Every structure is written in structure tokens, then in C-alpha cells.
PDB file of all heavy atoms in Angstrom:
ATOM      1  N   CYS A   1     -26.416  -8.835  -9.370  1.00  0.00           N
ATOM      2  CA  CYS A   1     -25.108  -9.117  -8.770  1.00  0.00           C
ATOM      3  C   CYS A   1     -24.926 -10.622  -8.726  1.00  0.00           C
ATOM      4  O   CYS A   1     -25.792 -11.339  -8.219  1.00  0.00           O
ATOM      5  CB  CYS A   1     -25.046  -8.526  -7.369  1.00  0.00           C
ATOM      6  SG  CYS A   1     -23.645  -9.104  -6.387  1.00  0.00           S
ATOM      7  N   THR A   2     -23.787 -11.080  -9.222  1.00  0.00           N
ATOM      8  CA  THR A   2     -23.492 -12.509  -9.237  1.00  0.00           C
ATOM      9  C   THR A   2     -22.204 -12.782  -8.482  1.00  0.00           C
ATOM     10  O   THR A   2     -21.203 -12.084  -8.675  1.00  0.00           O
ATOM     11  CB  THR A   2     -23.368 -13.021 -10.681  1.00  0.00           C
ATOM     12  OG1 THR A   2     -24.621 -12.823 -11.354  1.00  0.00           O
ATOM     13  CG2 THR A   2     -23.025 -14.502 -10.705  1.00  0.00           C
ATOM     14  N   ALA A   3     -22.247 -13.783  -7.636  1.00  0.00           N
ATOM     15  CA  ALA A   3     -21.076 -14.255  -6.913  1.00  0.00           C
ATOM     16  C   ALA A   3     -20.603 -15.560  -7.551  1.00  0.00           C
ATOM     17  O   ALA A   3     -21.412 -16.460  -7.788  1.00  0.00           O
ATOM     18  CB  ALA A   3     -21.398 -14.474  -5.445  1.00  0.00           C
ATOM     19  N   SER A   4     -19.293 -15.641  -7.796  1.00  0.00           N
ATOM     20  CA  SER A   4     -18.754 -16.842  -8.441  1.00  0.00           C
ATOM     21  C   SER A   4     -17.411 -17.204  -7.822  1.00  0.00           C
ATOM     22  O   SER A   4     -16.797 -16.398  -7.122  1.00  0.00           O
ATOM     23  CB  SER A   4     -18.597 -16.609  -9.946  1.00  0.00           C
ATOM     24  OG  SER A   4     -17.712 -15.535 -10.198  1.00  0.00           O
ATOM     25  N   GLY A   5     -16.969 -18.408  -8.090  1.00  0.00           N
ATOM     26  CA  GLY A   5     -15.638 -18.820  -7.679  1.00  0.00           C
ATOM     27  C   GLY A   5     -15.559 -19.530  -6.350  1.00  0.00           C
ATOM     28  O   GLY A   5     -14.457 -19.838  -5.884  1.00  0.00           O
ATOM     29  N   SER A   6     -16.705 -19.782  -5.727  1.00  0.00           N
ATOM     30  CA  SER A   6     -16.693 -20.453  -4.430  1.00  0.00           C
ATOM     31  C   SER A   6     -17.375 -21.812  -4.531  1.00  0.00           C
ATOM     32  O   SER A   6     -18.356 -21.957  -5.256  1.00  0.00           O
ATOM     33  CB  SER A   6     -17.428 -19.609  -3.389  1.00  0.00           C
ATOM     34  OG  SER A   6     -17.550 -20.318  -2.171  1.00  0.00           O
ATOM     35  N   MET A   7     -16.868 -22.761  -3.772  1.00  0.00           N
ATOM     36  CA  MET A   7     -17.522 -24.056  -3.738  1.00  0.00           C
ATOM     37  C   MET A   7     -18.686 -24.054  -2.760  1.00  0.00           C
ATOM     38  O   MET A   7     -19.444 -25.013  -2.694  1.00  0.00           O
ATOM     39  CB  MET A   7     -16.529 -25.151  -3.355  1.00  0.00           C
ATOM     40  CG  MET A   7     -15.867 -24.998  -2.008  1.00  0.00           C
ATOM     41  SD  MET A   7     -14.578 -26.228  -1.710  1.00  0.00           S
ATOM     42  CE  MET A   7     -15.524 -27.736  -1.741  1.00  0.00           C
ATOM     43  N   PHE A   8     -18.832 -22.952  -2.021  1.00  0.00           N
ATOM     44  CA  PHE A   8     -19.937 -22.795  -1.083  1.00  0.00           C
ATOM     45  C   PHE A   8     -20.880 -21.705  -1.577  1.00  0.00           C
ATOM     46  O   PHE A   8     -20.444 -20.671  -2.074  1.00  0.00           O
ATOM     47  CB  PHE A   8     -19.413 -22.429   0.304  1.00  0.00           C
ATOM     48  CG  PHE A   8     -18.461 -23.430   0.884  1.00  0.00           C
ATOM     49  CD1 PHE A   8     -17.092 -23.186   0.899  1.00  0.00           C
ATOM     50  CD2 PHE A   8     -18.931 -24.618   1.413  1.00  0.00           C
ATOM     51  CE1 PHE A   8     -16.208 -24.107   1.425  1.00  0.00           C
ATOM     52  CE2 PHE A   8     -18.062 -25.554   1.956  1.00  0.00           C
ATOM     53  CZ  PHE A   8     -16.691 -25.300   1.952  1.00  0.00           C
ATOM     54  N   ASP A   9     -22.166 -21.916  -1.406  1.00  0.00           N
ATOM     55  CA  ASP A   9     -23.128 -20.878  -1.756  1.00  0.00           C
ATOM     56  C   ASP A   9     -23.083 -19.771  -0.715  1.00  0.00           C
ATOM     57  O   ASP A   9     -22.872 -20.036   0.472  1.00  0.00           O
ATOM     58  CB  ASP A   9     -24.544 -21.467  -1.820  1.00  0.00           C
ATOM     59  CG  ASP A   9     -24.703 -22.450  -2.955  1.00  0.00           C
ATOM     60  OD1 ASP A   9     -23.978 -22.317  -3.963  1.00  0.00           O
ATOM     61  OD2 ASP A   9     -25.547 -23.355  -2.834  1.00  0.00           O
ATOM     62  N   PRO A  10     -23.295 -18.532  -1.121  1.00  0.00           N
ATOM     63  CA  PRO A  10     -23.315 -17.436  -0.149  1.00  0.00           C
ATOM     64  C   PRO A  10     -24.411 -17.631   0.894  1.00  0.00           C
ATOM     65  O   PRO A  10     -25.539 -17.993   0.555  1.00  0.00           O
ATOM     66  CB  PRO A  10     -23.594 -16.199  -1.008  1.00  0.00           C
ATOM     67  CG  PRO A  10     -23.138 -16.572  -2.379  1.00  0.00           C
ATOM     68  CD  PRO A  10     -23.436 -18.041  -2.498  1.00  0.00           C
ATOM     69  N   ASP A  11     -24.056 -17.382   2.150  1.00  0.00           N
ATOM     70  CA  ASP A  11     -25.057 -17.461   3.206  1.00  0.00           C
ATOM     71  C   ASP A  11     -25.995 -16.261   3.149  1.00  0.00           C
ATOM     72  O   ASP A  11     -27.183 -16.363   3.414  1.00  0.00           O
ATOM     73  CB  ASP A  11     -24.369 -17.505   4.570  1.00  0.00           C
ATOM     74  CG  ASP A  11     -23.427 -18.684   4.674  1.00  0.00           C
ATOM     75  OD1 ASP A  11     -23.907 -19.819   4.514  1.00  0.00           O
ATOM     76  OD2 ASP A  11     -22.224 -18.479   4.907  1.00  0.00           O
ATOM     77  N   VAL A  12     -25.414 -15.122   2.817  1.00  0.00           N
ATOM     78  CA  VAL A  12     -26.170 -13.878   2.728  1.00  0.00           C
ATOM     79  C   VAL A  12     -25.682 -13.106   1.506  1.00  0.00           C
ATOM     80  O   VAL A  12     -24.487 -13.112   1.197  1.00  0.00           O
ATOM     81  CB  VAL A  12     -25.976 -12.993   3.983  1.00  0.00           C
ATOM     82  CG1 VAL A  12     -26.751 -11.688   3.858  1.00  0.00           C
ATOM     83  CG2 VAL A  12     -26.383 -13.743   5.236  1.00  0.00           C
ATOM     84  N   MET A  13     -26.605 -12.483   0.826  1.00  0.00           N
ATOM     85  CA  MET A  13     -26.240 -11.507  -0.198  1.00  0.00           C
ATOM     86  C   MET A  13     -26.973 -10.213   0.122  1.00  0.00           C
ATOM     87  O   MET A  13     -28.103 -10.234   0.633  1.00  0.00           O
ATOM     88  CB  MET A  13     -26.585 -12.011  -1.596  1.00  0.00           C
ATOM     89  CG  MET A  13     -25.806 -13.272  -1.968  1.00  0.00           C
ATOM     90  SD  MET A  13     -25.972 -13.772  -3.680  1.00  0.00           S
ATOM     91  CE  MET A  13     -24.861 -12.607  -4.499  1.00  0.00           C
ATOM     92  N   ALA A  14     -26.313  -9.111  -0.145  1.00  0.00           N
ATOM     93  CA  ALA A  14     -26.893  -7.830   0.262  1.00  0.00           C
ATOM     94  C   ALA A  14     -26.451  -6.711  -0.668  1.00  0.00           C
ATOM     95  O   ALA A  14     -25.430  -6.815  -1.356  1.00  0.00           O
ATOM     96  CB  ALA A  14     -26.478  -7.500   1.699  1.00  0.00           C
ATOM     97  N   TRP A  15     -27.238  -5.671  -0.661  1.00  0.00           N
ATOM     98  CA  TRP A  15     -26.912  -4.433  -1.366  1.00  0.00           C
ATOM     99  C   TRP A  15     -26.676  -3.326  -0.345  1.00  0.00           C
ATOM    100  O   TRP A  15     -27.466  -3.159   0.592  1.00  0.00           O
ATOM    101  CB  TRP A  15     -28.048  -4.019  -2.301  1.00  0.00           C
ATOM    102  CG  TRP A  15     -28.174  -4.861  -3.522  1.00  0.00           C
ATOM    103  CD1 TRP A  15     -29.026  -5.904  -3.722  1.00  0.00           C
ATOM    104  CD2 TRP A  15     -27.416  -4.727  -4.731  1.00  0.00           C
ATOM    105  NE1 TRP A  15     -28.847  -6.440  -4.969  1.00  0.00           N
ATOM    106  CE2 TRP A  15     -27.863  -5.733  -5.618  1.00  0.00           C
ATOM    107  CE3 TRP A  15     -26.411  -3.863  -5.152  1.00  0.00           C
ATOM    108  CZ2 TRP A  15     -27.337  -5.898  -6.897  1.00  0.00           C
ATOM    109  CZ3 TRP A  15     -25.888  -4.021  -6.429  1.00  0.00           C
ATOM    110  CH2 TRP A  15     -26.349  -5.029  -7.292  1.00  0.00           C
ATOM    111  N   TYR A  16     -25.605  -2.594  -0.553  1.00  0.00           N
ATOM    112  CA  TYR A  16     -25.305  -1.391   0.196  1.00  0.00           C
ATOM    113  C   TYR A  16     -25.225  -0.243  -0.815  1.00  0.00           C
ATOM    114  O   TYR A  16     -25.150  -0.467  -2.015  1.00  0.00           O
ATOM    115  CB  TYR A  16     -23.969  -1.513   0.927  1.00  0.00           C
ATOM    116  CG  TYR A  16     -23.998  -2.388   2.158  1.00  0.00           C
ATOM    117  CD1 TYR A  16     -24.077  -3.775   2.048  1.00  0.00           C
ATOM    118  CD2 TYR A  16     -23.933  -1.836   3.439  1.00  0.00           C
ATOM    119  CE1 TYR A  16     -24.104  -4.588   3.173  1.00  0.00           C
ATOM    120  CE2 TYR A  16     -23.947  -2.639   4.571  1.00  0.00           C
ATOM    121  CZ  TYR A  16     -24.030  -4.006   4.425  1.00  0.00           C
ATOM    122  OH  TYR A  16     -24.059  -4.792   5.541  1.00  0.00           O
ATOM    123  N   ARG A  17     -25.202   0.971  -0.298  1.00  0.00           N
ATOM    124  CA  ARG A  17     -24.961   2.117  -1.174  1.00  0.00           C
ATOM    125  C   ARG A  17     -24.157   3.172  -0.435  1.00  0.00           C
ATOM    126  O   ARG A  17     -24.180   3.247   0.803  1.00  0.00           O
ATOM    127  CB  ARG A  17     -26.275   2.712  -1.688  1.00  0.00           C
ATOM    128  CG  ARG A  17     -27.162   3.356  -0.635  1.00  0.00           C
ATOM    129  CD  ARG A  17     -28.492   3.779  -1.254  1.00  0.00           C
ATOM    130  NE  ARG A  17     -29.374   4.418  -0.287  1.00  0.00           N
ATOM    131  CZ  ARG A  17     -30.631   4.761  -0.535  1.00  0.00           C
ATOM    132  NH1 ARG A  17     -31.171   4.507  -1.743  1.00  0.00           N
ATOM    133  NH2 ARG A  17     -31.365   5.345   0.391  1.00  0.00           N
ATOM    134  N   GLN A  18     -23.443   3.951  -1.221  1.00  0.00           N
ATOM    135  CA  GLN A  18     -22.636   5.023  -0.633  1.00  0.00           C
ATOM    136  C   GLN A  18     -22.737   6.239  -1.526  1.00  0.00           C
ATOM    137  O   GLN A  18     -22.342   6.206  -2.702  1.00  0.00           O
ATOM    138  CB  GLN A  18     -21.184   4.596  -0.470  1.00  0.00           C
ATOM    139  CG  GLN A  18     -20.349   5.603   0.289  1.00  0.00           C
ATOM    140  CD  GLN A  18     -19.058   5.010   0.825  1.00  0.00           C
ATOM    141  OE1 GLN A  18     -18.596   3.967   0.369  1.00  0.00           O
ATOM    142  NE2 GLN A  18     -18.478   5.680   1.816  1.00  0.00           N
ATOM    143  N   ALA A  19     -23.276   7.304  -0.964  1.00  0.00           N
ATOM    144  CA  ALA A  19     -23.373   8.573  -1.673  1.00  0.00           C
ATOM    145  C   ALA A  19     -22.145   9.420  -1.340  1.00  0.00           C
ATOM    146  O   ALA A  19     -21.511   9.222  -0.300  1.00  0.00           O
ATOM    147  CB  ALA A  19     -24.652   9.297  -1.257  1.00  0.00           C
ATOM    148  N   PRO A  20     -21.802  10.365  -2.199  1.00  0.00           N
ATOM    149  CA  PRO A  20     -20.628  11.214  -1.938  1.00  0.00           C
ATOM    150  C   PRO A  20     -20.726  11.904  -0.584  1.00  0.00           C
ATOM    151  O   PRO A  20     -21.758  12.507  -0.254  1.00  0.00           O
ATOM    152  CB  PRO A  20     -20.672  12.226  -3.080  1.00  0.00           C
ATOM    153  CG  PRO A  20     -21.385  11.531  -4.175  1.00  0.00           C
ATOM    154  CD  PRO A  20     -22.415  10.674  -3.495  1.00  0.00           C
ATOM    155  N   GLY A  21     -19.664  11.778   0.203  1.00  0.00           N
ATOM    156  CA  GLY A  21     -19.618  12.438   1.496  1.00  0.00           C
ATOM    157  C   GLY A  21     -20.415  11.764   2.594  1.00  0.00           C
ATOM    158  O   GLY A  21     -20.529  12.295   3.702  1.00  0.00           O
ATOM    159  N   LYS A  22     -20.980  10.607   2.293  1.00  0.00           N
ATOM    160  CA  LYS A  22     -21.793   9.899   3.280  1.00  0.00           C
ATOM    161  C   LYS A  22     -21.219   8.514   3.555  1.00  0.00           C
ATOM    162  O   LYS A  22     -20.453   7.981   2.765  1.00  0.00           O
ATOM    163  CB  LYS A  22     -23.238   9.778   2.797  1.00  0.00           C
ATOM    164  CG  LYS A  22     -23.963  11.108   2.676  1.00  0.00           C
ATOM    165  CD  LYS A  22     -25.439  10.892   2.382  1.00  0.00           C
ATOM    166  CE  LYS A  22     -26.187  12.209   2.337  1.00  0.00           C
ATOM    167  NZ  LYS A  22     -27.644  11.996   2.082  1.00  0.00           N
ATOM    168  N   GLN A  23     -21.645   7.956   4.682  1.00  0.00           N
ATOM    169  CA  GLN A  23     -21.198   6.612   5.029  1.00  0.00           C
ATOM    170  C   GLN A  23     -21.949   5.574   4.207  1.00  0.00           C
ATOM    171  O   GLN A  23     -23.074   5.808   3.760  1.00  0.00           O
ATOM    172  CB  GLN A  23     -21.437   6.361   6.520  1.00  0.00           C
ATOM    173  CG  GLN A  23     -20.495   7.119   7.439  1.00  0.00           C
ATOM    174  CD  GLN A  23     -20.607   6.662   8.879  1.00  0.00           C
ATOM    175  OE1 GLN A  23     -21.684   6.292   9.330  1.00  0.00           O
ATOM    176  NE2 GLN A  23     -19.506   6.668   9.602  1.00  0.00           N
ATOM    177  N   ARG A  24     -21.314   4.440   4.044  1.00  0.00           N
ATOM    178  CA  ARG A  24     -21.969   3.327   3.377  1.00  0.00           C
ATOM    179  C   ARG A  24     -23.156   2.869   4.225  1.00  0.00           C
ATOM    180  O   ARG A  24     -23.049   2.760   5.449  1.00  0.00           O
ATOM    181  CB  ARG A  24     -20.984   2.185   3.185  1.00  0.00           C
ATOM    182  CG  ARG A  24     -21.502   1.022   2.381  1.00  0.00           C
ATOM    183  CD  ARG A  24     -20.409  -0.015   2.160  1.00  0.00           C
ATOM    184  NE  ARG A  24     -19.316   0.533   1.364  1.00  0.00           N
ATOM    185  CZ  ARG A  24     -18.267  -0.191   0.965  1.00  0.00           C
ATOM    186  NH1 ARG A  24     -18.184  -1.477   1.292  1.00  0.00           N
ATOM    187  NH2 ARG A  24     -17.307   0.373   0.260  1.00  0.00           N
ATOM    188  N   GLU A  25     -24.288   2.625   3.583  1.00  0.00           N
ATOM    189  CA  GLU A  25     -25.472   2.204   4.317  1.00  0.00           C
ATOM    190  C   GLU A  25     -26.076   0.956   3.686  1.00  0.00           C
ATOM    191  O   GLU A  25     -26.012   0.760   2.459  1.00  0.00           O
ATOM    192  CB  GLU A  25     -26.519   3.321   4.368  1.00  0.00           C
ATOM    193  CG  GLU A  25     -27.079   3.734   3.031  1.00  0.00           C
ATOM    194  CD  GLU A  25     -28.246   4.701   3.147  1.00  0.00           C
ATOM    195  OE1 GLU A  25     -28.716   4.961   4.278  1.00  0.00           O
ATOM    196  OE2 GLU A  25     -28.698   5.203   2.097  1.00  0.00           O
ATOM    197  N   LEU A  26     -26.678   0.142   4.526  1.00  0.00           N
ATOM    198  CA  LEU A  26     -27.357  -1.057   4.054  1.00  0.00           C
ATOM    199  C   LEU A  26     -28.638  -0.676   3.337  1.00  0.00           C
ATOM    200  O   LEU A  26     -29.407   0.151   3.833  1.00  0.00           O
ATOM    201  CB  LEU A  26     -27.677  -1.974   5.232  1.00  0.00           C
ATOM    202  CG  LEU A  26     -28.475  -3.228   4.888  1.00  0.00           C
ATOM    203  CD1 LEU A  26     -27.647  -4.194   4.063  1.00  0.00           C
ATOM    204  CD2 LEU A  26     -28.978  -3.908   6.171  1.00  0.00           C
ATOM    205  N   VAL A  27     -28.860  -1.284   2.173  1.00  0.00           N
ATOM    206  CA  VAL A  27     -30.102  -1.074   1.436  1.00  0.00           C
ATOM    207  C   VAL A  27     -31.054  -2.243   1.690  1.00  0.00           C
ATOM    208  O   VAL A  27     -32.199  -2.054   2.080  1.00  0.00           O
ATOM    209  CB  VAL A  27     -29.838  -0.927  -0.073  1.00  0.00           C
ATOM    210  CG1 VAL A  27     -31.145  -0.831  -0.842  1.00  0.00           C
ATOM    211  CG2 VAL A  27     -28.950   0.290  -0.344  1.00  0.00           C
ATOM    212  N   ALA A  28     -30.557  -3.452   1.469  1.00  0.00           N
ATOM    213  CA  ALA A  28     -31.389  -4.641   1.672  1.00  0.00           C
ATOM    214  C   ALA A  28     -30.486  -5.861   1.756  1.00  0.00           C
ATOM    215  O   ALA A  28     -29.414  -5.893   1.147  1.00  0.00           O
ATOM    216  CB  ALA A  28     -32.389  -4.805   0.528  1.00  0.00           C
ATOM    217  N   THR A  29     -30.944  -6.841   2.501  1.00  0.00           N
ATOM    218  CA  THR A  29     -30.183  -8.063   2.661  1.00  0.00           C
ATOM    219  C   THR A  29     -31.115  -9.257   2.550  1.00  0.00           C
ATOM    220  O   THR A  29     -32.262  -9.205   3.007  1.00  0.00           O
ATOM    221  CB  THR A  29     -29.423  -8.063   3.997  1.00  0.00           C
ATOM    222  OG1 THR A  29     -28.663  -9.267   4.105  1.00  0.00           O
ATOM    223  CG2 THR A  29     -30.362  -7.964   5.177  1.00  0.00           C
ATOM    224  N   ILE A  30     -30.613 -10.320   1.932  1.00  0.00           N
ATOM    225  CA  ILE A  30     -31.420 -11.524   1.744  1.00  0.00           C
ATOM    226  C   ILE A  30     -30.555 -12.736   2.062  1.00  0.00           C
ATOM    227  O   ILE A  30     -29.618 -13.072   1.348  1.00  0.00           O
ATOM    228  CB  ILE A  30     -32.004 -11.580   0.310  1.00  0.00           C
ATOM    229  CG1 ILE A  30     -32.904 -12.797   0.137  1.00  0.00           C
ATOM    230  CG2 ILE A  30     -30.921 -11.513  -0.763  1.00  0.00           C
ATOM    231  CD1 ILE A  30     -33.758 -12.748  -1.144  1.00  0.00           C
ATOM    232  N   PRO A  31     -30.864 -13.403   3.170  1.00  0.00           N
ATOM    233  CA  PRO A  31     -30.108 -14.589   3.542  1.00  0.00           C
ATOM    234  C   PRO A  31     -30.625 -15.822   2.798  1.00  0.00           C
ATOM    235  O   PRO A  31     -31.727 -15.805   2.244  1.00  0.00           O
ATOM    236  CB  PRO A  31     -30.363 -14.692   5.041  1.00  0.00           C
ATOM    237  CG  PRO A  31     -31.724 -14.099   5.214  1.00  0.00           C
ATOM    238  CD  PRO A  31     -31.865 -13.033   4.169  1.00  0.00           C
ATOM    239  N   SER A  32     -29.837 -16.889   2.818  1.00  0.00           N
ATOM    240  CA  SER A  32     -30.313 -18.128   2.228  1.00  0.00           C
ATOM    241  C   SER A  32     -31.437 -18.721   3.085  1.00  0.00           C
ATOM    242  O   SER A  32     -32.350 -19.365   2.571  1.00  0.00           O
ATOM    243  CB  SER A  32     -29.159 -19.123   2.092  1.00  0.00           C
ATOM    244  OG  SER A  32     -28.531 -19.323   3.335  1.00  0.00           O
TER     245      SER A  32
END
């Protein structure tokens, strides 16, 4: 996953996932 277009670096980047019929859930997060 790449973030672009900002003059600031992301403070946090993270992965979430959503299965059919389920709520979105956090998979992993990595802060700067």
C-alpha cells in the first residue's frame, strides 16, 4: 500500500479487513 500526494508523511499506516456480512476490523497498524 502506497500513500501519495501529501507534503506530510503519514503518522500511521494500517491494514483493516472486511469480510462479507461482518464489520471492518483492524489487522495491524504501524506508526511512524
